[in-house]
Structures are given as structure tokens and as C-alpha cells.
Amino acid sequence: MMLKLTLVIALVIAAFTLTPPGASEPGIAGGDKLMHFLTFAVLAMPMAYTGRFPMLWIVLVAASYGGLIELIQPYVGRSAEWGDWLADGLGAFLGAWLAARIGRRGRAS
């Protein structure tokens, strides 16, 4: 179930990040980086929650996915930014860390 949820989240991220920019872009300063951080935190959470995979692998896969998106974006009319990739990685780390802690607490009860 969690794998399917993760795949759906990954597809939604791809749909929003690999289409030309539009009016739905965040208009506040730093909003773009915040969105990257939050979406990649959400991406990492389901798999980390299960405790079936090492957190390092989850973070590396999520950050690599973010890097791949950044490499593709110039071909769809968007810009690639190191800051976006950094926000992806940091978000993936925090999301995985939080979900792993919550998952362990739930399994211990």
C-alpha cells in the first residue's frame, strides 16, 4: 500500500514540476523552495514509515528523483536550480526521519 502511495505522490510531483510554469506558481518569496521541501518530505514519508527500507536509501532515491527532475526541467520550459535540488534533499531527509520515528513508535505500542 505504501509503495503505491509513494508512486502516486511521485507522479503528482512529476506532473507539477515537468509542465511549463503557470499561474499556480507560488508568489511569495521562497515559496518555490518551501514547496520543494514539503513535497519531497511527503514523498519520503510513506516508505520511511514502514521501516522496511533503510532511511539512507529512501533519502538518496528521493533526492536523486529531485535531481532528475531538475535535469529535465529546462526541456519543458522551466529552469533547473541547485537550490530546488537542495530543498528536495532536505525535505526528503526530514520527511523520512519524522515518518521513521512515528512508525517505530507505532510499532512499539
Protein backbone atom coordinates (compact mmCIF):
# COMPACT_ATOMS: atom_id res chain seq x y z
CA MET A 1 0.00 0.00 0.00
CA MET A 2 2.75 2.47 0.95
CA LEU A 3 4.66 1.74 -2.26
CA LYS A 4 1.57 2.57 -4.32
CA LEU A 5 1.06 5.78 -2.35
CA THR A 6 4.70 6.74 -2.91
CA LEU A 7 4.37 6.13 -6.65
CA VAL A 8 1.23 8.27 -6.83
CA ILE A 9 2.99 11.08 -4.97
CA ALA A 10 5.98 10.78 -7.34
CA LEU A 11 3.68 11.01 -10.37
CA VAL A 12 1.92 14.08 -8.96
CA ILE A 13 5.29 15.73 -8.34
CA ALA A 14 6.34 14.95 -11.92
CA ALA A 15 3.09 16.35 -13.30
CA PHE A 16 3.52 19.66 -11.48
CA THR A 17 7.28 20.07 -11.96
CA LEU A 18 7.57 18.92 -15.56
CA THR A 19 4.89 21.13 -17.07
CA PRO A 20 5.50 24.71 -18.18
CA PRO A 21 5.13 27.23 -15.35
CA GLY A 22 1.73 28.80 -14.90
CA ALA A 23 -0.35 30.96 -12.63
CA SER A 24 -0.28 28.27 -9.92
CA GLU A 25 3.35 29.06 -9.08
CA PRO A 26 3.92 30.27 -5.50
CA GLY A 27 4.04 34.06 -5.44
CA ILE A 28 5.73 34.55 -2.09
CA ALA A 29 9.48 34.91 -1.63
CA GLY A 30 10.97 31.48 -1.01
CA GLY A 31 7.64 29.81 -1.77
CA ASP A 32 9.16 27.70 -4.51
CA LYS A 33 11.83 26.28 -2.19
CA LEU A 34 9.25 25.67 0.53
CA MET A 35 7.09 23.75 -1.94
CA HIS A 36 10.08 21.62 -2.99
CA PHE A 37 10.92 20.94 0.67
CA LEU A 38 7.37 19.97 1.61
CA THR A 39 6.60 17.83 -1.44
CA PHE A 40 9.77 15.79 -1.09
CA ALA A 41 9.14 15.37 2.62
CA VAL A 42 5.74 13.94 1.72
CA LEU A 43 7.35 11.75 -0.97
CA ALA A 44 9.75 10.15 1.52
CA MET A 45 7.26 9.63 4.34
CA PRO A 46 5.25 6.55 3.30
CA MET A 47 8.24 4.29 2.68
CA ALA A 48 10.11 5.51 5.77
CA TYR A 49 7.03 4.92 7.90
CA THR A 50 7.02 1.22 7.03
CA GLY A 51 10.54 0.71 8.37
CA ARG A 52 11.17 -1.81 5.57
CA PHE A 53 13.91 0.20 3.89
CA PRO A 54 16.97 1.98 5.28
CA MET A 55 16.31 5.68 5.66
CA LEU A 56 19.53 6.48 3.78
CA TRP A 57 18.24 4.67 0.70
CA ILE A 58 14.89 6.42 0.86
CA VAL A 59 16.54 9.83 1.07
CA LEU A 60 19.02 9.02 -1.71
CA VAL A 61 16.29 7.77 -4.05
CA ALA A 62 14.06 10.77 -3.35
CA ALA A 63 16.94 13.25 -3.77
CA SER A 64 18.01 11.51 -6.99
CA TYR A 65 14.46 11.79 -8.28
CA GLY A 66 14.56 15.51 -7.48
CA GLY A 67 17.89 15.82 -9.31
CA LEU A 68 16.49 14.02 -12.35
CA ILE A 69 13.54 16.40 -12.40
CA GLU A 70 15.91 19.38 -12.25
CA LEU A 71 17.86 17.97 -15.22
CA ILE A 72 14.68 17.54 -17.28
CA GLN A 73 13.04 20.88 -16.43
CA PRO A 74 14.98 23.01 -18.96
CA TYR A 75 13.49 20.87 -21.74
CA VAL A 76 9.93 21.73 -20.67
CA GLY A 77 10.35 25.49 -20.32
CA ARG A 78 11.34 25.58 -16.67
CA SER A 79 14.65 26.39 -15.02
CA ALA A 80 16.88 23.97 -13.18
CA GLU A 81 18.16 25.25 -9.84
CA TRP A 82 20.63 23.85 -7.34
CA GLY A 83 18.54 25.41 -4.58
CA ASP A 84 15.50 23.40 -5.63
CA TRP A 85 17.51 20.19 -5.52
CA LEU A 86 18.89 21.09 -2.10
CA ALA A 87 15.35 21.77 -0.84
CA ASP A 88 14.26 18.38 -2.30
CA GLY A 89 17.02 16.56 -0.43
CA LEU A 90 16.48 18.36 2.85
CA GLY A 91 12.74 17.77 2.64
CA ALA A 92 13.26 14.08 1.85
CA PHE A 93 15.57 13.75 4.85
CA LEU A 94 13.23 15.46 7.31
CA GLY A 95 10.17 13.64 5.98
CA ALA A 96 11.90 10.25 6.18
CA TRP A 97 13.27 10.97 9.64
CA LEU A 98 9.89 12.06 11.03
CA ALA A 99 7.98 9.18 9.45
CA ALA A 100 10.54 6.62 10.63
CA ARG A 101 10.24 7.90 14.20
CA ILE A 102 6.46 7.87 14.09
CA GLY A 103 6.45 4.39 12.52
CA ARG A 104 8.79 2.98 15.18
CA ARG A 105 6.67 4.47 17.94
CA GLY A 106 3.53 2.95 16.41
CA ARG A 107 5.10 -0.49 16.03
CA ALA A 108 6.43 -0.41 19.62
CA SER A 109 2.97 0.12 21.09
